[in-house]
Protein backbone atom coordinates (compact mmCIF):
# COMPACT_ATOMS: atom_id res chain seq x y z
CA UNK A 1 0.00 0.00 0.00
CA UNK A 2 1.35 3.43 -0.93
CA UNK A 3 1.03 6.22 1.62
CA UNK A 4 1.52 9.74 0.42
CA UNK A 5 0.44 13.15 1.58
CA UNK A 6 0.26 15.94 -0.95
CA UNK A 7 -0.93 19.47 -0.72
CA UNK A 8 -2.66 19.83 -4.07
CA UNK A 9 -4.98 18.07 -6.48
CA UNK A 10 -2.51 17.89 -9.37
CA UNK A 11 0.02 16.03 -7.22
CA UNK A 12 -2.70 13.62 -6.10
CA UNK A 13 -3.61 12.86 -9.71
CA UNK A 14 0.04 12.32 -10.60
CA UNK A 15 0.39 9.86 -7.73
CA UNK A 16 -2.71 7.93 -8.85
CA UNK A 17 -1.38 7.79 -12.42
CA UNK A 18 1.91 6.35 -11.18
CA UNK A 19 0.71 4.05 -8.39
CA UNK A 20 -1.99 1.82 -6.99
CA UNK A 21 -3.94 2.87 -3.92
CA UNK A 22 -6.42 1.19 -1.60
CA UNK A 23 -8.04 4.49 -0.66
CA UNK A 24 -7.68 8.17 -1.57
CA UNK A 25 -8.61 11.13 0.63
CA UNK A 26 -9.19 14.54 -0.95
CA UNK A 27 -9.97 17.84 0.66
CA UNK A 28 -12.54 19.85 -1.24
CA UNK A 29 -10.25 22.93 -1.20
CA UNK A 30 -6.71 22.37 -2.45
CA UNK A 31 -4.29 24.56 -4.42
CA UNK A 32 -3.79 24.10 -8.16
CA UNK A 33 -6.85 21.85 -8.52
CA UNK A 34 -9.82 21.56 -6.21
CA UNK A 35 -11.02 18.23 -4.81
CA UNK A 36 -14.09 17.86 -7.05
CA UNK A 37 -12.00 18.23 -10.21
CA UNK A 38 -9.34 15.85 -8.91
CA UNK A 39 -12.06 13.35 -7.89
CA UNK A 40 -13.47 13.18 -11.42
CA UNK A 41 -10.04 12.60 -12.95
CA UNK A 42 -8.96 10.04 -10.34
CA UNK A 43 -12.15 8.03 -10.90
CA UNK A 44 -11.39 7.94 -14.64
CA UNK A 45 -7.83 6.73 -13.99
CA UNK A 46 -8.63 4.18 -11.25
CA UNK A 47 -12.42 3.75 -11.05
CA UNK A 48 -12.08 0.98 -8.47
CA UNK A 49 -10.29 3.10 -5.85
CA UNK A 50 -12.56 4.50 -3.12
CA UNK A 51 -12.22 8.27 -2.75
CA UNK A 52 -13.31 10.05 0.43
CA UNK A 53 -13.85 13.80 0.26
CA UNK A 54 -13.34 16.10 3.26
CA UNK A 55 -14.93 19.50 3.75
CA UNK A 56 -15.01 22.00 6.57
CA UNK A 57 -18.32 23.43 5.43
CA UNK A 58 -20.90 23.32 2.70
CA UNK A 59 -19.32 24.68 -0.44
CA UNK A 60 -21.71 26.69 -2.61
CA UNK A 61 -19.73 25.71 -5.73
CA UNK A 62 -20.02 22.00 -4.98
CA UNK A 63 -23.13 20.59 -3.36
CA UNK A 64 -21.01 18.45 -1.15
CA UNK A 65 -22.51 15.02 -0.55
CA UNK A 66 -24.88 14.85 -3.51
CA UNK A 67 -22.48 16.02 -6.19
CA UNK A 68 -19.46 14.31 -4.64
CA UNK A 69 -21.21 10.95 -4.73
CA UNK A 70 -22.47 11.57 -8.26
CA UNK A 71 -18.83 12.18 -9.25
CA UNK A 72 -17.81 8.88 -7.71
CA UNK A 73 -16.85 9.72 -4.12
CA UNK A 74 -17.21 6.76 -1.80
CA UNK A 75 -18.16 8.98 1.11
CA UNK A 76 -17.87 12.49 2.51
CA UNK A 77 -16.69 13.67 5.92
CA UNK A 78 -17.18 17.10 7.44
CA UNK A 79 -14.29 18.55 9.44
CA UNK A 80 -13.80 18.38 12.28
CA UNK A 81 -14.64 14.68 12.41
CA UNK A 82 -13.82 12.21 15.13
CA UNK A 83 -11.50 9.24 14.76
CA UNK A 84 -14.37 6.74 15.07
CA UNK A 85 -16.12 8.26 12.04
CA UNK A 86 -12.87 8.19 10.07
CA UNK A 87 -12.13 4.57 10.98
CA UNK A 88 -15.69 3.54 10.09
CA UNK A 89 -15.40 5.12 6.63
CA UNK A 90 -11.98 3.54 6.07
CA UNK A 91 -13.33 0.11 7.05
CA UNK A 92 -16.33 0.37 4.74
CA UNK A 93 -14.18 1.64 1.86
CA UNK A 94 -11.69 -1.22 2.15
CA UNK A 95 -14.50 -3.78 2.41
CA UNK A 96 -16.19 -2.32 -0.66
CA UNK A 97 -12.96 -2.42 -2.65
CA UNK A 98 -12.26 -6.01 -1.60
CA UNK A 99 -15.80 -6.97 -2.63
CA UNK A 100 -15.24 -5.76 -6.22
PDB file of N, CA and C in Angstrom:
ATOM      1  N   UNK A   1       0.844  -1.168   0.000  1.00  0.00           N
ATOM      2  CA  UNK A   1       0.000   0.000   0.000  1.00  0.00           C
ATOM      3  C   UNK A   1       0.893   1.236   0.000  1.00  0.00           C
ATOM      4  N   UNK A   2       0.626   2.160  -0.898  1.00  0.00           N
ATOM      5  CA  UNK A   2       1.346   3.428  -0.933  1.00  0.00           C
ATOM      6  C   UNK A   2       0.704   4.396   0.042  1.00  0.00           C
ATOM      7  N   UNK A   3       1.530   5.180   0.721  1.00  0.00           N
ATOM      8  CA  UNK A   3       1.028   6.220   1.618  1.00  0.00           C
ATOM      9  C   UNK A   3       1.732   7.508   1.260  1.00  0.00           C
ATOM     10  N   UNK A   4       0.961   8.465   0.813  1.00  0.00           N
ATOM     11  CA  UNK A   4       1.523   9.744   0.423  1.00  0.00           C
ATOM     12  C   UNK A   4       0.611  10.850   0.910  1.00  0.00           C
ATOM     13  N   UNK A   5       1.198  11.971   1.198  1.00  0.00           N
ATOM     14  CA  UNK A   5       0.437  13.147   1.581  1.00  0.00           C
ATOM     15  C   UNK A   5       0.876  14.273   0.660  1.00  0.00           C
ATOM     16  N   UNK A   6      -0.056  14.839  -0.048  1.00  0.00           N
ATOM     17  CA  UNK A   6       0.257  15.941  -0.951  1.00  0.00           C
ATOM     18  C   UNK A   6      -0.666  17.099  -0.659  1.00  0.00           C
ATOM     19  N   UNK A   7      -0.210  18.251  -1.029  1.00  0.00           N
ATOM     20  CA  UNK A   7      -0.929  19.473  -0.718  1.00  0.00           C
ATOM     21  C   UNK A   7      -1.841  19.964  -1.839  1.00  0.00           C
ATOM     22  N   UNK A   8      -1.821  19.318  -2.998  1.00  0.00           N
ATOM     23  CA  UNK A   8      -2.662  19.834  -4.075  1.00  0.00           C
ATOM     24  C   UNK A   8      -3.223  18.707  -4.936  1.00  0.00           C
ATOM     25  N   UNK A   9      -4.278  19.043  -5.666  1.00  0.00           N
ATOM     26  CA  UNK A   9      -4.984  18.072  -6.484  1.00  0.00           C
ATOM     27  C   UNK A   9      -4.161  17.528  -7.636  1.00  0.00           C
ATOM     28  N   UNK A  10      -3.334  18.365  -8.257  1.00  0.00           N
ATOM     29  CA  UNK A  10      -2.510  17.888  -9.370  1.00  0.00           C
ATOM     30  C   UNK A  10      -1.514  16.828  -8.913  1.00  0.00           C
ATOM     31  N   UNK A  11      -0.922  17.032  -7.744  1.00  0.00           N
ATOM     32  CA  UNK A  11       0.021  16.034  -7.216  1.00  0.00           C
ATOM     33  C   UNK A  11      -0.701  14.733  -6.904  1.00  0.00           C
ATOM     34  N   UNK A  12      -1.921  14.832  -6.396  1.00  0.00           N
ATOM     35  CA  UNK A  12      -2.702  13.623  -6.101  1.00  0.00           C
ATOM     36  C   UNK A  12      -2.976  12.842  -7.383  1.00  0.00           C
ATOM     37  N   UNK A  13      -3.341  13.529  -8.431  1.00  0.00           N
ATOM     38  CA  UNK A  13      -3.607  12.863  -9.709  1.00  0.00           C
ATOM     39  C   UNK A  13      -2.343  12.198 -10.233  1.00  0.00           C
ATOM     40  N   UNK A  14      -1.233  12.896 -10.142  1.00  0.00           N
ATOM     41  CA  UNK A  14       0.036  12.321 -10.603  1.00  0.00           C
ATOM     42  C   UNK A  14       0.368  11.042  -9.833  1.00  0.00           C
ATOM     43  N   UNK A  15       0.124  11.053  -8.532  1.00  0.00           N
ATOM     44  CA  UNK A  15       0.392   9.856  -7.725  1.00  0.00           C
ATOM     45  C   UNK A  15      -0.515   8.703  -8.145  1.00  0.00           C
ATOM     46  N   UNK A  16      -1.770   8.979  -8.439  1.00  0.00           N
ATOM     47  CA  UNK A  16      -2.707   7.933  -8.854  1.00  0.00           C
ATOM     48  C   UNK A  16      -2.320   7.389 -10.223  1.00  0.00           C
ATOM     49  N   UNK A  17      -1.841   8.246 -11.103  1.00  0.00           N
ATOM     50  CA  UNK A  17      -1.379   7.794 -12.417  1.00  0.00           C
ATOM     51  C   UNK A  17      -0.214   6.827 -12.264  1.00  0.00           C
ATOM     52  N   UNK A  18       0.673   7.114 -11.319  1.00  0.00           N
ATOM     53  CA  UNK A  18       1.909   6.350 -11.176  1.00  0.00           C
ATOM     54  C   UNK A  18       1.875   5.254 -10.114  1.00  0.00           C
ATOM     55  N   UNK A  19       0.745   5.053  -9.461  1.00  0.00           N
ATOM     56  CA  UNK A  19       0.706   4.054  -8.394  1.00  0.00           C
ATOM     57  C   UNK A  19      -0.660   3.425  -8.240  1.00  0.00           C
ATOM     58  N   UNK A  20      -0.746   2.502  -7.302  1.00  0.00           N
ATOM     59  CA  UNK A  20      -1.995   1.823  -6.988  1.00  0.00           C
ATOM     60  C   UNK A  20      -2.317   2.118  -5.531  1.00  0.00           C
ATOM     61  N   UNK A  21      -3.546   2.482  -5.268  1.00  0.00           N
ATOM     62  CA  UNK A  21      -3.941   2.870  -3.925  1.00  0.00           C
ATOM     63  C   UNK A  21      -5.175   2.104  -3.485  1.00  0.00           C
ATOM     64  N   UNK A  22      -5.242   1.830  -2.186  1.00  0.00           N
ATOM     65  CA  UNK A  22      -6.416   1.191  -1.602  1.00  0.00           C
ATOM     66  C   UNK A  22      -7.504   2.214  -1.294  1.00  0.00           C
ATOM     67  N   UNK A  23      -7.113   3.451  -1.075  1.00  0.00           N
ATOM     68  CA  UNK A  23      -8.043   4.494  -0.656  1.00  0.00           C
ATOM     69  C   UNK A  23      -7.390   5.842  -0.899  1.00  0.00           C
ATOM     70  N   UNK A  24      -8.178   6.815  -1.349  1.00  0.00           N
ATOM     71  CA  UNK A  24      -7.680   8.170  -1.568  1.00  0.00           C
ATOM     72  C   UNK A  24      -8.554   9.127  -0.770  1.00  0.00           C
ATOM     73  N   UNK A  25      -7.911  10.063  -0.084  1.00  0.00           N
ATOM     74  CA  UNK A  25      -8.611  11.129   0.627  1.00  0.00           C
ATOM     75  C   UNK A  25      -8.317  12.437  -0.077  1.00  0.00           C
ATOM     76  N   UNK A  26      -9.349  13.225  -0.326  1.00  0.00           N
ATOM     77  CA  UNK A  26      -9.187  14.536  -0.952  1.00  0.00           C
ATOM     78  C   UNK A  26      -9.926  15.582  -0.137  1.00  0.00           C
ATOM     79  N   UNK A  27      -9.271  16.706   0.071  1.00  0.00           N
ATOM     80  CA  UNK A  27      -9.965  17.843   0.657  1.00  0.00           C
ATOM     81  C   UNK A  27     -10.689  18.550  -0.478  1.00  0.00           C
ATOM     82  N   UNK A  28     -11.794  19.166  -0.184  1.00  0.00           N
ATOM     83  CA  UNK A  28     -12.536  19.852  -1.238  1.00  0.00           C
ATOM     84  C   UNK A  28     -11.783  21.090  -1.726  1.00  0.00           C
ATOM     85  N   UNK A  29     -11.022  21.733  -0.836  1.00  0.00           N
ATOM     86  CA  UNK A  29     -10.246  22.929  -1.203  1.00  0.00           C
ATOM     87  C   UNK A  29      -8.768  22.610  -1.159  1.00  0.00           C
ATOM     88  N   UNK A  30      -8.142  22.594  -2.333  1.00  0.00           N
ATOM     89  CA  UNK A  30      -6.707  22.366  -2.449  1.00  0.00           C
ATOM     90  C   UNK A  30      -6.163  23.340  -3.487  1.00  0.00           C
ATOM     91  N   UNK A  31      -4.881  23.701  -3.393  1.00  0.00           N
ATOM     92  CA  UNK A  31      -4.289  24.557  -4.419  1.00  0.00           C
ATOM     93  C   UNK A  31      -4.162  23.821  -5.755  1.00  0.00           C
ATOM     94  N   UNK A  32      -4.017  24.563  -6.791  1.00  0.00           N
ATOM     95  CA  UNK A  32      -3.786  24.096  -8.162  1.00  0.00           C
ATOM     96  C   UNK A  32      -4.986  23.387  -8.770  1.00  0.00           C
ATOM     97  N   UNK A  33      -5.652  22.529  -8.036  1.00  0.00           N
ATOM     98  CA  UNK A  33      -6.850  21.855  -8.523  1.00  0.00           C
ATOM     99  C   UNK A  33      -7.690  21.460  -7.315  1.00  0.00           C
ATOM    100  N   UNK A  34      -8.928  21.853  -7.329  1.00  0.00           N
ATOM    101  CA  UNK A  34      -9.818  21.556  -6.206  1.00  0.00           C
ATOM    102  C   UNK A  34     -10.186  20.070  -6.179  1.00  0.00           C
ATOM    103  N   UNK A  35     -10.647  19.620  -5.015  1.00  0.00           N
ATOM    104  CA  UNK A  35     -11.015  18.226  -4.808  1.00  0.00           C
ATOM    105  C   UNK A  35     -12.020  17.670  -5.804  1.00  0.00           C
ATOM    106  N   UNK A  36     -13.114  18.397  -6.104  1.00  0.00           N
ATOM    107  CA  UNK A  36     -14.092  17.860  -7.054  1.00  0.00           C
ATOM    108  C   UNK A  36     -13.504  17.564  -8.434  1.00  0.00           C
ATOM    109  N   UNK A  37     -12.651  18.464  -8.919  1.00  0.00           N
ATOM    110  CA  UNK A  37     -12.003  18.232 -10.211  1.00  0.00           C
ATOM    111  C   UNK A  37     -11.086  17.014 -10.144  1.00  0.00           C
ATOM    112  N   UNK A  38     -10.267  16.966  -9.087  1.00  0.00           N
ATOM    113  CA  UNK A  38      -9.340  15.851  -8.911  1.00  0.00           C
ATOM    114  C   UNK A  38     -10.106  14.536  -8.783  1.00  0.00           C
ATOM    115  N   UNK A  39     -11.218  14.544  -8.064  1.00  0.00           N
ATOM    116  CA  UNK A  39     -12.058  13.348  -7.895  1.00  0.00           C
ATOM    117  C   UNK A  39     -12.481  12.785  -9.249  1.00  0.00           C
ATOM    118  N   UNK A  40     -12.995  13.637 -10.110  1.00  0.00           N
ATOM    119  CA  UNK A  40     -13.471  13.183 -11.422  1.00  0.00           C
ATOM    120  C   UNK A  40     -12.346  12.533 -12.226  1.00  0.00           C
ATOM    121  N   UNK A  41     -11.165  13.133 -12.185  1.00  0.00           N
ATOM    122  CA  UNK A  41     -10.040  12.598 -12.948  1.00  0.00           C
ATOM    123  C   UNK A  41      -9.539  11.293 -12.332  1.00  0.00           C
ATOM    124  N   UNK A  42      -9.423  11.264 -11.013  1.00  0.00           N
ATOM    125  CA  UNK A  42      -8.960  10.044 -10.336  1.00  0.00           C
ATOM    126  C   UNK A  42      -9.894   8.876 -10.629  1.00  0.00           C
ATOM    127  N   UNK A  43     -11.200   9.110 -10.639  1.00  0.00           N
ATOM    128  CA  UNK A  43     -12.154   8.030 -10.904  1.00  0.00           C
ATOM    129  C   UNK A  43     -12.056   7.544 -12.348  1.00  0.00           C
ATOM    130  N   UNK A  44     -11.612   8.399 -13.270  1.00  0.00           N
ATOM    131  CA  UNK A  44     -11.389   7.938 -14.644  1.00  0.00           C
ATOM    132  C   UNK A  44     -10.122   7.099 -14.738  1.00  0.00           C
ATOM    133  N   UNK A  45      -9.107   7.440 -13.946  1.00  0.00           N
ATOM    134  CA  UNK A  45      -7.830   6.734 -13.986  1.00  0.00           C
ATOM    135  C   UNK A  45      -7.938   5.388 -13.268  1.00  0.00           C
ATOM    136  N   UNK A  46      -8.485   5.397 -12.056  1.00  0.00           N
ATOM    137  CA  UNK A  46      -8.632   4.178 -11.246  1.00  0.00           C
ATOM    138  C   UNK A  46     -10.057   4.135 -10.693  1.00  0.00           C
ATOM    139  N   UNK A  47     -11.020   3.720 -11.492  1.00  0.00           N
ATOM    140  CA  UNK A  47     -12.421   3.748 -11.053  1.00  0.00           C
ATOM    141  C   UNK A  47     -12.700   2.878  -9.835  1.00  0.00           C
ATOM    142  N   UNK A  48     -11.847   1.898  -9.584  1.00  0.00           N
ATOM    143  CA  UNK A  48     -12.084   0.982  -8.465  1.00  0.00           C
ATOM    144  C   UNK A  48     -11.632   1.538  -7.124  1.00  0.00           C
ATOM    145  N   UNK A  49     -10.808   2.576  -7.110  1.00  0.00           N
ATOM    146  CA  UNK A  49     -10.294   3.099  -5.847  1.00  0.00           C
ATOM    147  C   UNK A  49     -11.352   3.956  -5.146  1.00  0.00           C
ATOM    148  N   UNK A  50     -11.630   3.652  -3.875  1.00  0.00           N
ATOM    149  CA  UNK A  50     -12.565   4.497  -3.125  1.00  0.00           C
ATOM    150  C   UNK A  50     -11.916   5.852  -2.831  1.00  0.00           C
ATOM    151  N   UNK A  51     -12.687   6.910  -3.025  1.00  0.00           N
ATOM    152  CA  UNK A  51     -12.217   8.266  -2.747  1.00  0.00           C
ATOM    153  C   UNK A  51     -13.145   8.881  -1.713  1.00  0.00           C
ATOM    154  N   UNK A  52     -12.549   9.379  -0.627  1.00  0.00           N
ATOM    155  CA  UNK A  52     -13.311  10.045   0.427  1.00  0.00           C
ATOM    156  C   UNK A  52     -12.971  11.528   0.361  1.00  0.00           C
ATOM    157  N   UNK A  53     -14.008  12.351   0.333  1.00  0.00           N
ATOM    158  CA  UNK A  53     -13.852  13.803   0.263  1.00  0.00           C
ATOM    159  C   UNK A  53     -14.069  14.397   1.651  1.00  0.00           C
ATOM    160  N   UNK A  54     -13.213  15.366   2.002  1.00  0.00           N
ATOM    161  CA  UNK A  54     -13.344  16.105   3.261  1.00  0.00           C
ATOM    162  C   UNK A  54     -13.780  17.529   2.968  1.00  0.00           C
ATOM    163  N   UNK A  55     -14.558  18.094   3.865  1.00  0.00           N
ATOM    164  CA  UNK A  55     -14.925  19.504   3.754  1.00  0.00           C
ATOM    165  C   UNK A  55     -15.136  20.079   5.139  1.00  0.00           C
ATOM    166  N   UNK A  56     -14.775  21.343   5.292  1.00  0.00           N
ATOM    167  CA  UNK A  56     -15.005  21.999   6.571  1.00  0.00           C
ATOM    168  C   UNK A  56     -16.365  22.669   6.615  1.00  0.00           C
ATOM    169  N   UNK A  57     -16.988  22.819   5.476  1.00  0.00           N
ATOM    170  CA  UNK A  57     -18.320  23.433   5.432  1.00  0.00           C
ATOM    171  C   UNK A  57     -18.970  23.118   4.103  1.00  0.00           C
ATOM    172  N   UNK A  58     -20.208  23.476   3.978  1.00  0.00           N
ATOM    173  CA  UNK A  58     -20.903  23.317   2.698  1.00  0.00           C
ATOM    174  C   UNK A  58     -20.306  24.307   1.714  1.00  0.00           C
ATOM    175  N   UNK A  59     -19.919  23.846   0.585  1.00  0.00           N
ATOM    176  CA  UNK A  59     -19.320  24.685  -0.442  1.00  0.00           C
ATOM    177  C   UNK A  59     -20.388  25.037  -1.460  1.00  0.00           C
ATOM    178  N   UNK A  60     -20.661  26.325  -1.656  1.00  0.00           N
ATOM    179  CA  UNK A  60     -21.706  26.694  -2.608  1.00  0.00           C
ATOM    180  C   UNK A  60     -21.396  26.300  -4.045  1.00  0.00           C
ATOM    181  N   UNK A  61     -20.101  26.109  -4.375  1.00  0.00           N
ATOM    182  CA  UNK A  61     -19.731  25.711  -5.730  1.00  0.00           C
ATOM    183  C   UNK A  61     -19.869  24.211  -5.942  1.00  0.00           C
ATOM    184  N   UNK A  62     -19.999  23.458  -4.879  1.00  0.00           N
ATOM    185  CA  UNK A  62     -20.016  21.997  -4.985  1.00  0.00           C
ATOM    186  C   UNK A  62     -20.968  21.479  -3.927  1.00  0.00           C
ATOM    187  N   UNK A  63     -22.153  21.108  -4.317  1.00  0.00           N
ATOM    188  CA  UNK A  63     -23.130  20.592  -3.364  1.00  0.00           C
ATOM    189  C   UNK A  63     -22.547  19.298  -2.836  1.00  0.00           C
ATOM    190  N   UNK A  64     -21.986  19.392  -1.668  1.00  0.00           N
ATOM    191  CA  UNK A  64     -21.014  18.445  -1.146  1.00  0.00           C
ATOM    192  C   UNK A  64     -21.399  16.986  -1.313  1.00  0.00           C
ATOM    193  N   UNK A  65     -22.257  16.471  -0.515  1.00  0.00           N
ATOM    194  CA  UNK A  65     -22.506  15.022  -0.554  1.00  0.00           C
ATOM    195  C   UNK A  65     -23.150  14.574  -1.851  1.00  0.00           C
ATOM    196  N   UNK A  66     -24.161  15.273  -2.309  1.00  0.00           N
ATOM    197  CA  UNK A  66     -24.881  14.845  -3.512  1.00  0.00           C
ATOM    198  C   UNK A  66     -23.963  14.829  -4.723  1.00  0.00           C
ATOM    199  N   UNK A  67     -23.315  15.944  -4.994  1.00  0.00           N
ATOM    200  CA  UNK A  67     -22.479  16.025  -6.190  1.00  0.00           C
ATOM    201  C   UNK A  67     -21.221  15.174  -6.048  1.00  0.00           C
ATOM    202  N   UNK A  68     -20.657  15.126  -4.849  1.00  0.00           N
ATOM    203  CA  UNK A  68     -19.456  14.307  -4.644  1.00  0.00           C
ATOM    204  C   UNK A  68     -19.753  12.848  -4.955  1.00  0.00           C
ATOM    205  N   UNK A  69     -20.866  12.350  -4.481  1.00  0.00           N
ATOM    206  CA  UNK A  69     -21.206  10.950  -4.730  1.00  0.00           C
ATOM    207  C   UNK A  69     -21.569  10.725  -6.192  1.00  0.00           C
ATOM    208  N   UNK A  70     -22.185  11.705  -6.834  1.00  0.00           N
ATOM    209  CA  UNK A  70     -22.470  11.575  -8.264  1.00  0.00           C
ATOM    210  C   UNK A  70     -21.175  11.527  -9.072  1.00  0.00           C
ATOM    211  N   UNK A  71     -20.126  12.180  -8.570  1.00  0.00           N
ATOM    212  CA  UNK A  71     -18.831  12.182  -9.252  1.00  0.00           C
ATOM    213  C   UNK A  71     -18.003  10.955  -8.908  1.00  0.00           C
ATOM    214  N   UNK A  72     -18.503  10.109  -8.020  1.00  0.00           N
ATOM    215  CA  UNK A  72     -17.808   8.878  -7.714  1.00  0.00           C
ATOM    216  C   UNK A  72     -17.187   8.793  -6.338  1.00  0.00           C
ATOM    217  N   UNK A  73     -17.404   9.799  -5.477  1.00  0.00           N
ATOM    218  CA  UNK A  73     -16.849   9.722  -4.125  1.00  0.00           C
ATOM    219  C   UNK A  73     -17.486   8.565  -3.371  1.00  0.00           C
ATOM    220  N   UNK A  74     -16.684   7.847  -2.623  1.00  0.00           N
ATOM    221  CA  UNK A  74     -17.206   6.764  -1.802  1.00  0.00           C
ATOM    222  C   UNK A  74     -18.008   7.331  -0.643  1.00  0.00           C
ATOM    223  N   UNK A  75     -17.475   8.362  -0.018  1.00  0.00           N
ATOM    224  CA  UNK A  75     -18.157   8.980   1.112  1.00  0.00           C
ATOM    225  C   UNK A  75     -17.610  10.382   1.309  1.00  0.00           C
ATOM    226  N   UNK A  76     -18.253  11.123   2.201  1.00  0.00           N
ATOM    227  CA  UNK A  76     -17.870  12.487   2.512  1.00  0.00           C
ATOM    228  C   UNK A  76     -17.811  12.649   4.024  1.00  0.00           C
ATOM    229  N   UNK A  77     -16.816  13.370   4.492  1.00  0.00           N
ATOM    230  CA  UNK A  77     -16.694  13.667   5.916  1.00  0.00           C
ATOM    231  C   UNK A  77     -16.568  15.168   6.104  1.00  0.00           C
ATOM    232  N   UNK A  78     -17.282  15.687   7.095  1.00  0.00           N
ATOM    233  CA  UNK A  78     -17.176  17.097   7.444  1.00  0.00           C
ATOM    234  C   UNK A  78     -16.171  17.277   8.563  1.00  0.00           C
ATOM    235  N   UNK A  79     -15.266  18.232   8.399  1.00  0.00           N
ATOM    236  CA  UNK A  79     -14.292  18.547   9.436  1.00  0.00           C
ATOM    237  C   UNK A  79     -14.932  19.514  10.426  1.00  0.00           C
ATOM    238  N   UNK A  80     -14.621  19.413  11.675  1.00  0.00           N
ATOM    239  CA  UNK A  80     -13.803  18.382  12.283  1.00  0.00           C
ATOM    240  C   UNK A  80     -14.611  17.093  12.449  1.00  0.00           C
ATOM    241  N   UNK A  81     -13.985  15.972  12.216  1.00  0.00           N
ATOM    242  CA  UNK A  81     -14.637  14.679  12.407  1.00  0.00           C
ATOM    243  C   UNK A  81     -13.879  13.941  13.491  1.00  0.00           C
ATOM    244  N   UNK A  82     -14.520  12.960  14.080  1.00  0.00           N
ATOM    245  CA  UNK A  82     -13.818  12.213  15.129  1.00  0.00           C
ATOM    246  C   UNK A  82     -13.190  10.952  14.523  1.00  0.00           C
ATOM    247  N   UNK A  83     -12.268  10.391  15.245  1.00  0.00           N
ATOM    248  CA  UNK A  83     -11.503   9.238  14.760  1.00  0.00           C
ATOM    249  C   UNK A  83     -12.406   8.036  14.492  1.00  0.00           C
ATOM    250  N   UNK A  84     -13.461   7.869  15.286  1.00  0.00           N
ATOM    251  CA  UNK A  84     -14.373   6.745  15.066  1.00  0.00           C
ATOM    252  C   UNK A  84     -15.071   6.851  13.712  1.00  0.00           C
ATOM    253  N   UNK A  85     -15.487   8.066  13.345  1.00  0.00           N
ATOM    254  CA  UNK A  85     -16.115   8.259  12.036  1.00  0.00           C
ATOM    255  C   UNK A  85     -15.126   7.964  10.911  1.00  0.00           C
ATOM    256  N   UNK A  86     -13.897   8.428  11.075  1.00  0.00           N
ATOM    257  CA  UNK A  86     -12.869   8.189  10.065  1.00  0.00           C
ATOM    258  C   UNK A  86     -12.586   6.697   9.919  1.00  0.00           C
ATOM    259  N   UNK A  87     -12.415   6.005  11.033  1.00  0.00           N
ATOM    260  CA  UNK A  87     -12.135   4.570  10.982  1.00  0.00           C
ATOM    261  C   UNK A  87     -13.300   3.790  10.379  1.00  0.00           C
ATOM    262  N   UNK A  88     -14.510   4.215  10.651  1.00  0.00           N
ATOM    263  CA  UNK A  88     -15.688   3.538  10.088  1.00  0.00           C
ATOM    264  C   UNK A  88     -15.714   3.690   8.569  1.00  0.00           C
ATOM    265  N   UNK A  89     -15.434   4.884   8.079  1.00  0.00           N
ATOM    266  CA  UNK A  89     -15.405   5.120   6.629  1.00  0.00           C
ATOM    267  C   UNK A  89     -14.277   4.325   5.983  1.00  0.00           C
ATOM    268  N   UNK A  90     -13.109   4.312   6.607  1.00  0.00           N
ATOM    269  CA  UNK A  90     -11.983   3.540   6.067  1.00  0.00           C
ATOM    270  C   UNK A  90     -12.349   2.065   5.984  1.00  0.00           C
ATOM    271  N   UNK A  91     -12.942   1.520   7.039  1.00  0.00           N
ATOM    272  CA  UNK A  91     -13.333   0.106   7.048  1.00  0.00           C
ATOM    273  C   UNK A  91     -14.324  -0.228   5.952  1.00  0.00           C
ATOM    274  N   UNK A  92     -15.335   0.624   5.789  1.00  0.00           N
ATOM    275  CA  UNK A  92     -16.331   0.374   4.740  1.00  0.00           C
ATOM    276  C   UNK A  92     -15.717   0.489   3.351  1.00  0.00           C
ATOM    277  N   UNK A  93     -14.815   1.453   3.167  1.00  0.00           N
ATOM    278  CA  UNK A  93     -14.184   1.635   1.856  1.00  0.00           C
ATOM    279  C   UNK A  93     -13.322   0.443   1.478  1.00  0.00           C
ATOM    280  N   UNK A  94     -12.545  -0.052   2.422  1.00  0.00           N
ATOM    281  CA  UNK A  94     -11.687  -1.217   2.149  1.00  0.00           C
ATOM    282  C   UNK A  94     -12.543  -2.458   1.882  1.00  0.00           C
ATOM    283  N   UNK A  95     -13.597  -2.638   2.651  1.00  0.00           N
ATOM    284  CA  UNK A  95     -14.498  -3.783   2.411  1.00  0.00           C
ATOM    285  C   UNK A  95     -15.136  -3.682   1.038  1.00  0.00           C
ATOM    286  N   UNK A  96     -15.559  -2.498   0.660  1.00  0.00           N
ATOM    287  CA  UNK A  96     -16.188  -2.317  -0.658  1.00  0.00           C
ATOM    288  C   UNK A  96     -15.192  -2.614  -1.768  1.00  0.00           C
ATOM    289  N   UNK A  97     -13.961  -2.169  -1.621  1.00  0.00           N
ATOM    290  CA  UNK A  97     -12.959  -2.422  -2.652  1.00  0.00           C
ATOM    291  C   UNK A  97     -12.635  -3.913  -2.739  1.00  0.00           C
ATOM    292  N   UNK A  98     -12.542  -4.586  -1.595  1.00  0.00           N
ATOM    293  CA  UNK A  98     -12.256  -6.015  -1.600  1.00  0.00           C
ATOM    294  C   UNK A  98     -13.409  -6.818  -2.200  1.00  0.00           C
ATOM    295  N   UNK A  99     -14.624  -6.285  -2.096  1.00  0.00           N
ATOM    296  CA  UNK A  99     -15.796  -6.973  -2.635  1.00  0.00           C
ATOM    297  C   UNK A  99     -15.965  -6.808  -4.141  1.00  0.00           C
ATOM    298  N   UNK A 100     -15.117  -5.993  -4.761  1.00  0.00           N
ATOM    299  CA  UNK A 100     -15.244  -5.764  -6.217  1.00  0.00           C
ATOM    300  C   UNK A 100     -14.756  -6.952  -6.989  1.00  0.00           C
TER     301      UNK A 100
END
